[in-house]
Amino acid sequence: MSIGETDFYDVKSEKRGIKTAVGMSLEMTGFILYNKNRMKRKKLKIERQVWIK
């Protein structure tokens, strides 16, 4: 293996790592937003039930 090859591999794996990190963070934010919306809906349902009563 020459030095150039190892450098190329390191850059490639680094980029892949960044991509996976970004993807994971995006998934996490999406999950958090989804849960927030679910909580809002639950609150609205509870409020509606109380209001009906």
C-alpha atoms as a PDB file:
ATOM      1  CA  MET A   1       0.000   0.000   0.000  1.00  0.00           C
ATOM      2  CA  SER A   2       1.361   3.406  -0.918  1.00  0.00           C
ATOM      3  CA  ILE A   3       0.868   6.548   1.177  1.00  0.00           C
ATOM      4  CA  GLY A   4      -1.571   7.991  -1.397  1.00  0.00           C
ATOM      5  CA  GLU A   5      -3.848   4.947  -1.133  1.00  0.00           C
ATOM      6  CA  THR A   6      -4.047   5.146   2.653  1.00  0.00           C
ATOM      7  CA  ASP A   7      -4.805   8.878   2.473  1.00  0.00           C
ATOM      8  CA  PHE A   8      -7.606   8.242  -0.024  1.00  0.00           C
ATOM      9  CA  TYR A   9      -9.077   5.500   2.176  1.00  0.00           C
ATOM     10  CA  ASP A  10      -8.962   7.703   5.275  1.00  0.00           C
ATOM     11  CA  VAL A  11     -10.780  10.523   3.484  1.00  0.00           C
ATOM     12  CA  LYS A  12     -13.399   8.099   2.181  1.00  0.00           C
ATOM     13  CA  SER A  13     -14.062   6.521   5.570  1.00  0.00           C
ATOM     14  CA  GLU A  14     -14.126   9.974   7.185  1.00  0.00           C
ATOM     15  CA  LYS A  15     -16.750  11.184   4.697  1.00  0.00           C
ATOM     16  CA  ARG A  16     -18.796   8.053   5.327  1.00  0.00           C
ATOM     17  CA  GLY A  17     -18.560   8.702   9.058  1.00  0.00           C
ATOM     18  CA  ILE A  18     -19.769  12.261   8.604  1.00  0.00           C
ATOM     19  CA  LYS A  19     -22.641  11.067   6.413  1.00  0.00           C
ATOM     20  CA  THR A  20     -23.753   8.491   8.991  1.00  0.00           C
ATOM     21  CA  ALA A  21     -23.449  11.037  11.809  1.00  0.00           C
ATOM     22  CA  VAL A  22     -25.582  13.546   9.878  1.00  0.00           C
ATOM     23  CA  GLY A  23     -28.118  10.854   9.035  1.00  0.00           C
ATOM     24  CA  MET A  24     -28.344   9.761  12.661  1.00  0.00           C
ATOM     25  CA  SER A  25     -28.787  13.330  13.909  1.00  0.00           C
ATOM     26  CA  LEU A  26     -31.492  13.927  11.276  1.00  0.00           C
ATOM     27  CA  GLU A  27     -33.270  10.734  12.352  1.00  0.00           C
ATOM     28  CA  MET A  28     -33.054  11.826  15.986  1.00  0.00           C
ATOM     29  CA  THR A  29     -34.478  15.300  15.285  1.00  0.00           C
ATOM     30  CA  GLY A  30     -37.247  13.755  13.178  1.00  0.00           C
ATOM     31  CA  PHE A  31     -38.039  11.307  15.987  1.00  0.00           C
ATOM     32  CA  ILE A  32     -38.132  14.116  18.568  1.00  0.00           C
ATOM     33  CA  LEU A  33     -40.414  16.247  16.355  1.00  0.00           C
ATOM     34  CA  TYR A  34     -42.687  13.234  15.748  1.00  0.00           C
ATOM     35  CA  ASN A  35     -42.956  12.600  19.502  1.00  0.00           C
ATOM     36  CA  LYS A  36     -43.662  16.301  20.156  1.00  0.00           C
ATOM     37  CA  ASN A  37     -46.511  16.218  17.625  1.00  0.00           C
ATOM     38  CA  ARG A  38     -47.887  13.059  19.223  1.00  0.00           C
ATOM     39  CA  MET A  39     -47.812  14.686  22.646  1.00  0.00           C
ATOM     40  CA  LYS A  40     -49.595  17.750  21.247  1.00  0.00           C
ATOM     41  CA  ARG A  41     -52.315  15.546  19.761  1.00  0.00           C
ATOM     42  CA  LYS A  42     -52.718  13.678  23.051  1.00  0.00           C
ATOM     43  CA  LYS A  43     -53.029  16.984  24.922  1.00  0.00           C
ATOM     44  CA  LEU A  44     -55.593  18.233  22.392  1.00  0.00           C
ATOM     45  CA  LYS A  45     -57.602  15.013  22.748  1.00  0.00           C
ATOM     46  CA  ILE A  46     -57.556  15.302  26.534  1.00  0.00           C
ATOM     47  CA  GLU A  47     -58.562  18.981  26.354  1.00  0.00           C
ATOM     48  CA  ARG A  48     -61.413  18.157  23.974  1.00  0.00           C
ATOM     49  CA  GLN A  49     -62.684  15.414  26.260  1.00  0.00           C
ATOM     50  CA  VAL A  50     -62.595  17.773  29.243  1.00  0.00           C
ATOM     51  CA  TRP A  51     -64.300  20.499  27.200  1.00  0.00           C
ATOM     52  CA  ILE A  52     -67.054  18.101  26.076  1.00  0.00           C
ATOM     53  CA  LYS A  53     -67.655  17.130  29.710  1.00  0.00           C
END
